[in-house]
Amino acid sequence: MQVNVGGIDRILRIIVGLVLIALAATGTVGWWGYLGVVPLLTGALRFCPLYTLLGIRTCPMNKPD
């Protein structure tokens, strides 16, 4: 897995994931709020499979040594 999620994107994914999970846990939204696990994991791992399929990369390219 090559990193393809950058800094701001990563922070937003983690926040959105935590908010959705918290809303589902408190009963504010339905079971679908637990889908917040997806953005939480993609933010934590800094890898998004959909970005790979679409050729998107929000993090700076690593320079070879």
N, C-alpha and C. Protein backbone atom coordinates (compact mmCIF):
# COMPACT_ATOMS: atom_id res chain seq x y z
N MET A 1 0.83 -1.18 0.00
CA MET A 1 0.00 0.00 0.00
C MET A 1 0.88 1.25 0.00
N GLN A 2 0.66 2.07 -0.95
CA GLN A 2 1.39 3.33 -1.04
C GLN A 2 0.50 4.45 -0.52
N VAL A 3 1.05 5.33 0.28
CA VAL A 3 0.31 6.44 0.88
C VAL A 3 -0.25 7.34 -0.23
N ASN A 4 -1.57 7.63 -0.17
CA ASN A 4 -2.15 8.51 -1.16
C ASN A 4 -3.14 9.52 -0.55
N VAL A 5 -3.17 9.62 0.78
CA VAL A 5 -4.04 10.58 1.47
C VAL A 5 -3.16 11.57 2.21
N GLY A 6 -3.31 12.85 1.87
CA GLY A 6 -2.48 13.90 2.45
C GLY A 6 -2.98 14.41 3.79
N GLY A 7 -2.32 15.43 4.32
CA GLY A 7 -2.54 15.95 5.66
C GLY A 7 -3.94 16.44 5.96
N ILE A 8 -4.42 17.44 5.22
CA ILE A 8 -5.75 18.00 5.50
C ILE A 8 -6.82 16.95 5.19
N ASP A 9 -6.67 16.23 4.13
CA ASP A 9 -7.60 15.17 3.75
C ASP A 9 -7.67 14.14 4.88
N ARG A 10 -6.54 13.79 5.42
CA ARG A 10 -6.46 12.80 6.50
C ARG A 10 -7.20 13.29 7.75
N ILE A 11 -6.96 14.52 8.14
CA ILE A 11 -7.61 15.08 9.33
C ILE A 11 -9.12 15.12 9.15
N LEU A 12 -9.57 15.57 7.98
CA LEU A 12 -11.02 15.64 7.72
C LEU A 12 -11.66 14.26 7.75
N ARG A 13 -11.00 13.28 7.18
CA ARG A 13 -11.53 11.91 7.18
C ARG A 13 -11.69 11.39 8.61
N ILE A 14 -10.68 11.61 9.44
CA ILE A 14 -10.72 11.13 10.82
C ILE A 14 -11.84 11.83 11.59
N ILE A 15 -11.97 13.14 11.43
CA ILE A 15 -13.02 13.89 12.13
C ILE A 15 -14.40 13.42 11.69
N VAL A 16 -14.63 13.32 10.38
CA VAL A 16 -15.93 12.89 9.86
C VAL A 16 -16.25 11.48 10.35
N GLY A 17 -15.27 10.60 10.32
CA GLY A 17 -15.49 9.23 10.78
C GLY A 17 -15.87 9.18 12.25
N LEU A 18 -15.16 9.92 13.09
CA LEU A 18 -15.46 9.93 14.52
C LEU A 18 -16.84 10.53 14.81
N VAL A 19 -17.18 11.60 14.10
CA VAL A 19 -18.49 12.24 14.29
C VAL A 19 -19.61 11.28 13.89
N LEU A 20 -19.48 10.62 12.76
CA LEU A 20 -20.52 9.68 12.32
C LEU A 20 -20.68 8.53 13.30
N ILE A 21 -19.58 7.99 13.78
CA ILE A 21 -19.65 6.88 14.74
C ILE A 21 -20.30 7.34 16.04
N ALA A 22 -19.93 8.54 16.51
CA ALA A 22 -20.51 9.07 17.75
C ALA A 22 -22.01 9.31 17.58
N LEU A 23 -22.43 9.84 16.44
CA LEU A 23 -23.86 10.06 16.20
C LEU A 23 -24.62 8.74 16.15
N ALA A 24 -24.04 7.72 15.57
CA ALA A 24 -24.69 6.41 15.52
C ALA A 24 -24.76 5.79 16.91
N ALA A 25 -23.70 5.94 17.69
CA ALA A 25 -23.66 5.36 19.03
C ALA A 25 -24.67 6.02 19.97
N THR A 26 -24.93 7.30 19.76
CA THR A 26 -25.89 8.00 20.61
C THR A 26 -27.31 7.88 20.09
N GLY A 27 -27.51 7.27 18.95
CA GLY A 27 -28.85 7.09 18.40
C GLY A 27 -29.38 8.28 17.62
N THR A 28 -28.53 9.26 17.38
CA THR A 28 -28.94 10.45 16.64
C THR A 28 -29.22 10.11 15.17
N VAL A 29 -28.41 9.27 14.60
CA VAL A 29 -28.62 8.78 13.23
C VAL A 29 -28.78 7.27 13.30
N GLY A 30 -29.18 6.70 12.21
CA GLY A 30 -29.39 5.25 12.17
C GLY A 30 -28.09 4.47 12.11
N TRP A 31 -28.24 3.20 11.78
CA TRP A 31 -27.08 2.29 11.73
C TRP A 31 -26.05 2.73 10.71
N TRP A 32 -26.49 3.46 9.69
CA TRP A 32 -25.57 3.88 8.62
C TRP A 32 -24.45 4.77 9.15
N GLY A 33 -24.62 5.37 10.32
CA GLY A 33 -23.58 6.20 10.90
C GLY A 33 -22.31 5.41 11.21
N TYR A 34 -22.48 4.11 11.40
CA TYR A 34 -21.30 3.27 11.65
C TYR A 34 -20.43 3.11 10.40
N LEU A 35 -20.93 3.56 9.27
CA LEU A 35 -20.09 3.58 8.06
C LEU A 35 -18.96 4.60 8.21
N GLY A 36 -19.00 5.38 9.27
CA GLY A 36 -17.91 6.30 9.59
C GLY A 36 -16.60 5.58 9.83
N VAL A 37 -16.67 4.27 9.99
CA VAL A 37 -15.46 3.47 10.15
C VAL A 37 -14.60 3.55 8.88
N VAL A 38 -15.24 3.67 7.74
CA VAL A 38 -14.50 3.71 6.46
C VAL A 38 -13.61 4.96 6.37
N PRO A 39 -14.15 6.18 6.54
CA PRO A 39 -13.25 7.33 6.48
C PRO A 39 -12.24 7.35 7.64
N LEU A 40 -12.64 6.83 8.79
CA LEU A 40 -11.71 6.77 9.92
C LEU A 40 -10.51 5.89 9.59
N LEU A 41 -10.76 4.72 9.03
CA LEU A 41 -9.65 3.82 8.68
C LEU A 41 -8.81 4.36 7.53
N THR A 42 -9.44 4.93 6.52
CA THR A 42 -8.66 5.45 5.40
C THR A 42 -7.81 6.64 5.84
N GLY A 43 -8.31 7.42 6.79
CA GLY A 43 -7.51 8.52 7.33
C GLY A 43 -6.38 8.01 8.20
N ALA A 44 -6.65 7.02 9.02
CA ALA A 44 -5.63 6.48 9.92
C ALA A 44 -4.52 5.77 9.14
N LEU A 45 -4.90 5.04 8.11
CA LEU A 45 -3.92 4.29 7.32
C LEU A 45 -3.28 5.12 6.21
N ARG A 46 -3.85 6.30 5.94
CA ARG A 46 -3.37 7.20 4.88
C ARG A 46 -3.42 6.56 3.50
N PHE A 47 -4.36 5.64 3.34
CA PHE A 47 -4.52 4.95 2.06
C PHE A 47 -6.00 4.83 1.74
N CYS A 48 -6.37 5.23 0.53
CA CYS A 48 -7.76 5.14 0.07
C CYS A 48 -7.78 4.31 -1.23
N PRO A 49 -8.42 3.15 -1.21
CA PRO A 49 -8.47 2.32 -2.42
C PRO A 49 -9.17 3.02 -3.59
N LEU A 50 -10.18 3.82 -3.30
CA LEU A 50 -10.88 4.54 -4.37
C LEU A 50 -9.96 5.55 -5.04
N TYR A 51 -9.12 6.22 -4.25
CA TYR A 51 -8.14 7.15 -4.82
C TYR A 51 -7.21 6.42 -5.78
N THR A 52 -6.83 5.21 -5.43
CA THR A 52 -5.94 4.42 -6.29
C THR A 52 -6.62 4.14 -7.63
N LEU A 53 -7.89 3.74 -7.58
CA LEU A 53 -8.62 3.45 -8.81
C LEU A 53 -8.79 4.69 -9.69
N LEU A 54 -8.98 5.85 -9.05
CA LEU A 54 -9.20 7.07 -9.80
C LEU A 54 -7.91 7.83 -10.13
N GLY A 55 -6.79 7.36 -9.60
CA GLY A 55 -5.51 8.01 -9.86
C GLY A 55 -5.33 9.32 -9.11
N ILE A 56 -6.01 9.46 -7.98
CA ILE A 56 -5.92 10.68 -7.18
C ILE A 56 -4.89 10.49 -6.08
N ARG A 57 -4.20 11.56 -5.76
CA ARG A 57 -3.20 11.54 -4.70
C ARG A 57 -3.18 12.92 -4.05
N THR A 58 -3.55 13.00 -2.75
CA THR A 58 -3.59 14.29 -2.07
C THR A 58 -2.37 14.54 -1.19
N CYS A 59 -1.43 13.63 -1.21
CA CYS A 59 -0.22 13.84 -0.44
C CYS A 59 0.94 14.15 -1.40
N PRO A 60 1.95 14.85 -0.92
CA PRO A 60 3.09 15.15 -1.80
C PRO A 60 3.83 13.86 -2.18
N MET A 61 4.37 13.88 -3.36
CA MET A 61 5.14 12.73 -3.84
C MET A 61 6.42 12.57 -3.04
N ASN A 62 6.77 11.33 -2.74
CA ASN A 62 8.03 11.06 -2.06
C ASN A 62 9.18 11.19 -3.05
N LYS A 63 10.22 11.89 -2.64
CA LYS A 63 11.38 12.05 -3.51
C LYS A 63 12.32 10.85 -3.30
N PRO A 64 12.76 10.23 -4.37
CA PRO A 64 13.71 9.12 -4.22
C PRO A 64 15.06 9.64 -3.74
N ASP A 65 15.72 8.85 -2.92
CA ASP A 65 17.04 9.25 -2.39
C ASP A 65 18.13 9.06 -3.40
